[in-house]
Amino acid sequence: MRIANCIVLMILATGCSSTGGVAETDDGGSVEAGDGASVEAGDCGAAGDAGCPVPCIRGSVWKPTSASVSLRSFGFFDGSSGYERDRSSLTAEQITALEGLCPMEPPTRFATDAVHYTIEITDQDGSRAEYSAAQNDWFEGAPQHPAIAYASLAPFLGTFKCLSATQTRPRTPEPVTPPWRDAPDVSVDPACRNGIFMPYKCHQVWLKLNVPVAASHRLALERCYETLDLAVFTADGMTKLAASDPVTGGACAALRHAFEAGTYLVRVDKTNGDASCDAGTQAGDFFLRVGPVTP
């Protein structure tokens, strides 16, 4: 709802009151502000940029010459995730959302543990511009790049669903049966950098891969560490259909498989190499990419 913008962004905006009031919009209308409101996805762009903390012209961040967008996110509780796409592959909804990205003044109040975003936009001439954003504009400190209002980023975030590493963190101290019982879903969207978390000890992460139409896909890990292997199984977990080959020299595991339409299980296996499974080795987030195999 449009009343949300003023109260949440009141310290950055002009014309907002901390106890409620009315701010004039670009089209001559008004936006009421009231205590207890919160930012909702789409407020900034849907309202013609009214309610943004500084005057904002559509297309001032995502321009007609912008060629691609890369978004990385991380939060203490959410873990890592990402999304990358060329302009030619963006939907009309995504382009409209990107055109509504709105710069904001540097933040003056801060909080910990919110999800933070880095948005990199590459132009046709190869130049790059980076921006920072934070959930509900709560930054942990001064952002490294020009800040983007979260309300204007939210519409773009709503156009895709990629796996966040927190969805793969161990939920219980004891193994569940079968091990894929609580496996989160992962799509074949090639733009997604699906976040995965692994603990220090040996561990397996199971995912449900949903393939809408028959096609060959490549599954590949990125930013890997220790010894990580990939395998694809039938939906009941009984038959292994494909597995990654052993890798050396710091390379990340990958595999290819010709999928029929349906649901499959993907297993990511951390074995710690030559170290004991109980040894305190490396832990943290890495990424899984799924994409079509081109002829």
Protein backbone atom coordinates (compact mmCIF):
# COMPACT_ATOMS: atom_id res chain seq x y z
CA MET A 1 0.00 0.00 0.00
CA ARG A 2 1.18 3.49 -0.78
CA ILE A 3 0.89 4.83 2.76
CA ALA A 4 3.90 2.70 3.63
CA ASN A 5 6.63 4.80 2.05
CA CYS A 6 6.57 7.96 4.11
CA ILE A 7 6.78 6.46 7.56
CA VAL A 8 9.51 3.92 6.78
CA LEU A 9 11.63 6.35 4.82
CA MET A 10 10.68 9.45 6.81
CA ILE A 11 14.21 10.35 7.87
CA LEU A 12 15.31 10.46 4.22
CA ALA A 13 12.26 11.96 2.56
CA THR A 14 10.99 15.49 2.48
CA GLY A 15 7.40 16.28 3.25
CA CYS A 16 6.81 13.27 5.55
CA SER A 17 5.72 13.47 9.15
CA SER A 18 6.73 11.05 11.91
CA THR A 19 3.23 11.16 13.31
CA GLY A 20 1.31 10.99 10.07
CA GLY A 21 0.68 13.48 7.29
CA VAL A 22 0.32 13.91 3.56
CA ALA A 23 3.05 14.15 0.93
CA GLU A 24 2.43 15.39 -2.58
CA THR A 25 3.18 13.01 -5.46
CA ASP A 26 4.47 13.73 -8.96
CA ASP A 27 0.99 13.55 -10.44
CA GLY A 28 -0.47 16.04 -7.97
CA GLY A 29 -2.04 13.39 -5.74
CA SER A 30 -1.17 12.66 -2.14
CA VAL A 31 0.19 9.83 -0.04
CA GLU A 32 -0.85 9.53 3.59
CA ALA A 33 1.72 8.53 6.21
CA GLY A 34 0.85 6.76 9.42
CA ASP A 35 2.69 5.12 12.30
CA GLY A 36 3.35 1.39 12.09
CA ALA A 37 3.30 1.19 8.28
CA SER A 38 5.83 -0.90 6.38
CA VAL A 39 7.23 -0.92 2.85
CA GLU A 40 5.54 -3.34 0.48
CA ALA A 41 6.84 -4.60 -2.86
CA GLY A 42 6.09 -2.29 -5.75
CA ASP A 43 5.33 0.90 -3.82
CA CYS A 44 8.01 3.01 -5.43
CA GLY A 45 7.58 2.09 -9.09
CA ALA A 46 3.82 1.48 -8.95
CA ALA A 47 3.25 4.95 -7.53
CA GLY A 48 5.20 6.61 -10.33
CA ASP A 49 8.22 6.92 -8.03
CA ALA A 50 6.24 8.90 -5.45
CA GLY A 51 7.48 8.18 -1.95
CA CYS A 52 11.09 7.60 -2.97
CA PRO A 53 13.46 9.34 -0.56
CA VAL A 54 14.93 11.60 -3.27
CA PRO A 55 13.54 12.84 -6.60
CA CYS A 56 13.76 9.93 -9.01
CA ILE A 57 13.42 9.81 -12.78
CA ARG A 58 12.49 6.42 -14.18
CA GLY A 59 15.42 4.98 -16.09
CA SER A 60 18.05 6.86 -14.10
CA VAL A 61 19.65 3.57 -12.94
CA TRP A 62 18.52 1.07 -15.60
CA LYS A 63 18.98 2.97 -18.87
CA PRO A 64 18.06 2.25 -22.50
CA THR A 65 21.71 1.29 -23.04
CA SER A 66 21.89 -1.10 -20.06
CA ALA A 67 22.86 -4.56 -21.34
CA SER A 68 22.74 -6.86 -18.29
CA VAL A 69 22.02 -6.99 -14.57
CA SER A 70 23.68 -9.03 -11.85
CA LEU A 71 22.27 -9.17 -8.33
CA ARG A 72 23.98 -10.73 -5.31
CA SER A 73 22.36 -11.01 -1.90
CA PHE A 74 23.50 -12.06 1.54
CA GLY A 75 21.99 -11.99 5.01
CA PHE A 76 23.10 -13.56 8.27
CA PHE A 77 19.89 -15.56 8.47
CA ASP A 78 19.17 -15.86 4.72
CA GLY A 79 22.62 -16.76 3.45
CA SER A 80 23.68 -16.19 -0.16
CA SER A 81 21.76 -16.11 -3.42
CA GLY A 82 22.03 -14.39 -6.79
CA TYR A 83 20.50 -13.64 -10.16
CA GLU A 84 22.12 -12.68 -13.49
CA ARG A 85 20.46 -11.98 -16.82
CA ASP A 86 21.15 -10.19 -20.13
CA ARG A 87 18.68 -7.60 -21.33
CA SER A 88 17.61 -9.83 -24.23
CA SER A 89 16.47 -12.50 -21.75
CA LEU A 90 14.60 -10.18 -19.39
CA THR A 91 10.81 -10.22 -19.39
CA ALA A 92 8.80 -7.06 -19.99
CA GLU A 93 7.84 -7.13 -16.29
CA GLN A 94 11.49 -7.28 -15.27
CA ILE A 95 12.50 -4.40 -17.53
CA THR A 96 9.67 -2.26 -16.13
CA ALA A 97 10.80 -3.11 -12.60
CA LEU A 98 14.44 -2.25 -13.36
CA GLU A 99 13.43 1.07 -14.92
CA GLY A 100 11.83 1.95 -11.56
CA LEU A 101 15.06 1.56 -9.57
CA CYS A 102 15.41 4.67 -7.46
CA PRO A 103 18.58 6.13 -5.87
CA MET A 104 18.40 7.29 -2.27
CA GLU A 105 20.49 9.49 -0.01
CA PRO A 106 23.19 7.73 2.03
CA PRO A 107 21.52 6.07 5.04
CA THR A 108 21.78 7.65 8.48
CA ARG A 109 20.52 4.81 10.67
CA PHE A 110 21.70 1.25 10.68
CA ALA A 111 20.87 -2.30 11.81
CA THR A 112 22.50 -5.73 11.70
CA ASP A 113 21.44 -9.01 10.08
CA ALA A 114 19.25 -7.52 7.31
CA VAL A 115 19.56 -8.90 3.78
CA HIS A 116 21.95 -6.78 1.71
CA TYR A 117 22.07 -6.58 -2.08
CA THR A 118 24.73 -5.62 -4.59
CA ILE A 119 23.34 -4.71 -8.03
CA GLU A 120 25.77 -4.51 -10.95
CA ILE A 121 24.55 -3.09 -14.25
CA THR A 122 26.69 -3.43 -17.37
CA ASP A 123 26.21 -1.01 -20.26
CA GLN A 124 26.48 -1.72 -23.96
CA ASP A 125 29.90 -0.02 -23.99
CA GLY A 126 31.19 -2.43 -21.34
CA SER A 127 31.18 0.05 -18.46
CA ARG A 128 29.79 -1.13 -15.14
CA ALA A 129 27.92 0.60 -12.35
CA GLU A 130 27.40 -0.95 -8.92
CA TYR A 131 24.71 -0.10 -6.38
CA SER A 132 23.88 -1.24 -2.86
CA ALA A 133 20.49 -1.92 -1.26
CA ALA A 134 19.30 -3.33 2.05
CA GLN A 135 16.05 -4.86 3.19
CA ASN A 136 13.78 -2.00 4.28
CA ASP A 137 16.81 0.32 3.82
CA TRP A 138 18.47 -0.96 7.02
CA PHE A 139 22.19 -1.00 6.14
CA GLU A 140 24.82 -2.39 8.51
CA GLY A 141 27.08 0.55 7.74
CA ALA A 142 27.84 3.07 5.04
CA PRO A 143 27.23 1.22 1.72
CA GLN A 144 30.19 0.68 -0.58
CA HIS A 145 28.23 1.88 -3.61
CA PRO A 146 25.44 4.40 -4.32
CA ALA A 147 22.34 3.29 -2.45
CA ILE A 148 19.10 2.11 -4.07
CA ALA A 149 15.79 2.42 -2.21
CA TYR A 150 14.59 -1.04 -1.22
CA ALA A 151 10.97 -0.20 -2.12
CA SER A 152 12.08 0.34 -5.72
CA LEU A 153 14.09 -2.90 -5.82
CA ALA A 154 11.31 -5.07 -4.38
CA PRO A 155 9.30 -5.31 -7.66
CA PHE A 156 12.32 -6.80 -9.44
CA LEU A 157 12.98 -9.23 -6.58
CA GLY A 158 9.41 -10.44 -6.98
CA THR A 159 9.96 -11.55 -10.58
CA PHE A 160 12.15 -14.57 -9.78
CA LYS A 161 12.62 -17.24 -7.12
CA CYS A 162 16.11 -18.59 -6.58
CA LEU A 163 17.30 -20.85 -3.78
CA SER A 164 18.78 -19.11 -0.75
CA ALA A 165 21.50 -20.88 1.22
CA THR A 166 19.48 -20.79 4.43
CA GLN A 167 17.03 -23.24 2.85
CA THR A 168 19.78 -25.89 2.79
CA ARG A 169 21.10 -25.46 6.34
CA PRO A 170 20.68 -28.50 8.62
CA ARG A 171 17.35 -28.21 10.46
CA THR A 172 17.68 -31.00 12.99
CA PRO A 173 20.66 -32.52 14.85
CA GLU A 174 19.68 -35.99 13.69
CA PRO A 175 19.38 -37.14 10.03
CA VAL A 176 15.86 -37.31 8.59
CA THR A 177 14.49 -40.35 6.74
CA PRO A 178 14.55 -40.37 3.80
CA PRO A 179 17.31 -37.72 3.59
CA TRP A 180 15.47 -35.84 0.81
CA ARG A 181 12.24 -35.57 2.83
CA ASP A 182 12.63 -31.80 3.36
CA ALA A 183 14.56 -31.05 0.17
CA PRO A 184 13.88 -27.50 -1.09
CA ASP A 185 12.85 -26.90 -4.70
CA VAL A 186 15.26 -25.60 -7.31
CA SER A 187 14.24 -24.56 -10.83
CA VAL A 188 15.95 -24.77 -14.21
CA ASP A 189 16.11 -20.96 -14.46
CA PRO A 190 19.64 -20.37 -15.81
CA ALA A 191 19.73 -16.86 -14.32
CA CYS A 192 19.59 -18.19 -10.74
CA ARG A 193 22.71 -18.59 -8.62
CA ASN A 194 21.16 -20.97 -6.13
CA GLY A 195 22.77 -20.67 -2.70
CA ILE A 196 23.82 -23.81 -0.81
CA PHE A 197 25.36 -24.06 2.67
CA MET A 198 27.69 -26.79 3.89
CA PRO A 199 28.92 -27.23 7.49
CA TYR A 200 32.49 -28.08 8.51
CA LYS A 201 31.91 -31.83 8.67
CA CYS A 202 30.97 -34.20 5.84
CA HIS A 203 27.40 -33.51 4.77
CA GLN A 204 24.85 -34.10 2.03
CA VAL A 205 22.35 -31.57 0.69
CA TRP A 206 19.34 -32.85 -1.26
CA LEU A 207 17.35 -30.68 -3.66
CA LYS A 208 14.21 -31.22 -5.75
CA LEU A 209 14.80 -30.21 -9.36
CA ASN A 210 11.63 -29.41 -11.29
CA VAL A 211 12.01 -29.83 -15.07
CA PRO A 212 8.90 -28.49 -16.90
CA VAL A 213 9.77 -29.82 -20.37
CA ALA A 214 12.16 -32.48 -21.65
CA ALA A 215 15.60 -30.99 -22.25
CA SER A 216 19.30 -31.50 -21.58
CA HIS A 217 20.64 -29.41 -18.69
CA ARG A 218 24.04 -28.76 -17.19
CA LEU A 219 24.31 -28.56 -13.41
CA ALA A 220 27.46 -26.84 -12.13
CA LEU A 221 28.76 -25.68 -8.76
CA GLU A 222 30.37 -22.26 -8.36
CA ARG A 223 32.63 -20.84 -5.64
CA CYS A 224 33.14 -24.38 -4.33
CA TYR A 225 35.57 -25.59 -1.66
CA GLU A 226 36.79 -28.89 -0.17
CA THR A 227 35.56 -31.95 -2.13
CA LEU A 228 32.03 -31.46 -3.47
CA ASP A 229 30.30 -33.90 -5.82
CA LEU A 230 27.01 -33.75 -7.73
CA ALA A 231 24.55 -36.53 -8.58
CA VAL A 232 21.03 -36.72 -10.03
CA PHE A 233 18.48 -39.33 -8.94
CA THR A 234 14.96 -40.33 -9.81
CA ALA A 235 12.20 -38.77 -7.71
CA ASP A 236 12.11 -41.77 -5.35
CA GLY A 237 15.86 -41.53 -4.75
CA MET A 238 16.40 -45.15 -5.79
CA THR A 239 18.15 -44.76 -9.15
CA LYS A 240 21.21 -42.62 -9.86
CA LEU A 241 20.90 -41.08 -13.32
CA ALA A 242 24.06 -38.98 -13.58
CA ALA A 243 27.10 -38.01 -11.51
CA SER A 244 29.91 -35.50 -11.77
CA ASP A 245 33.39 -36.66 -12.67
CA PRO A 246 36.24 -36.23 -10.16
CA VAL A 247 37.83 -32.79 -10.35
CA THR A 248 41.26 -31.48 -9.38
CA GLY A 249 43.08 -28.19 -9.11
CA GLY A 250 40.27 -26.29 -7.46
CA ALA A 251 37.74 -26.92 -10.25
CA CYS A 252 34.06 -27.26 -9.29
CA ALA A 253 31.90 -30.30 -9.97
CA ALA A 254 29.50 -30.32 -12.93
CA LEU A 255 27.36 -32.81 -14.84
CA ARG A 256 25.05 -33.01 -17.86
CA HIS A 257 21.90 -35.06 -18.26
CA ALA A 258 19.02 -35.40 -20.72
CA PHE A 259 15.94 -34.91 -18.55
CA GLU A 260 12.37 -35.87 -19.26
CA ALA A 261 9.71 -33.55 -17.85
CA GLY A 262 9.23 -34.21 -14.16
CA THR A 263 10.78 -33.93 -10.71
CA TYR A 264 14.26 -35.19 -9.87
CA LEU A 265 16.48 -35.30 -6.82
CA VAL A 266 19.89 -33.62 -6.81
CA ARG A 267 22.47 -34.57 -4.18
CA VAL A 268 25.46 -32.39 -3.31
CA ASP A 269 27.99 -34.39 -1.30
CA LYS A 270 30.80 -32.87 0.80
CA THR A 271 33.50 -35.38 1.73
CA ASN A 272 36.36 -33.14 3.00
CA GLY A 273 38.91 -34.71 0.67
CA ASP A 274 41.72 -36.40 2.58
CA ALA A 275 40.59 -35.00 5.93
CA SER A 276 38.42 -36.85 8.42
CA CYS A 277 34.70 -36.21 8.22
CA ASP A 278 34.86 -35.04 11.83
CA ALA A 279 37.67 -32.58 11.11
CA GLY A 280 37.01 -28.87 11.29
CA THR A 281 37.57 -27.98 7.63
CA GLN A 282 35.91 -25.23 5.58
CA ALA A 283 32.24 -24.28 5.81
CA GLY A 284 30.04 -21.69 4.14
CA ASP A 285 27.96 -20.86 1.09
CA PHE A 286 28.50 -21.72 -2.55
CA PHE A 287 26.26 -21.80 -5.64
CA LEU A 288 24.52 -24.20 -8.00
CA ARG A 289 23.71 -23.13 -11.56
CA VAL A 290 21.28 -25.05 -13.77
CA GLY A 291 21.11 -24.23 -17.46
CA PRO A 292 20.18 -25.71 -20.82
CA VAL A 293 22.84 -27.46 -22.84
CA THR A 294 23.22 -25.69 -26.18
CA PRO A 295 23.90 -27.84 -29.25
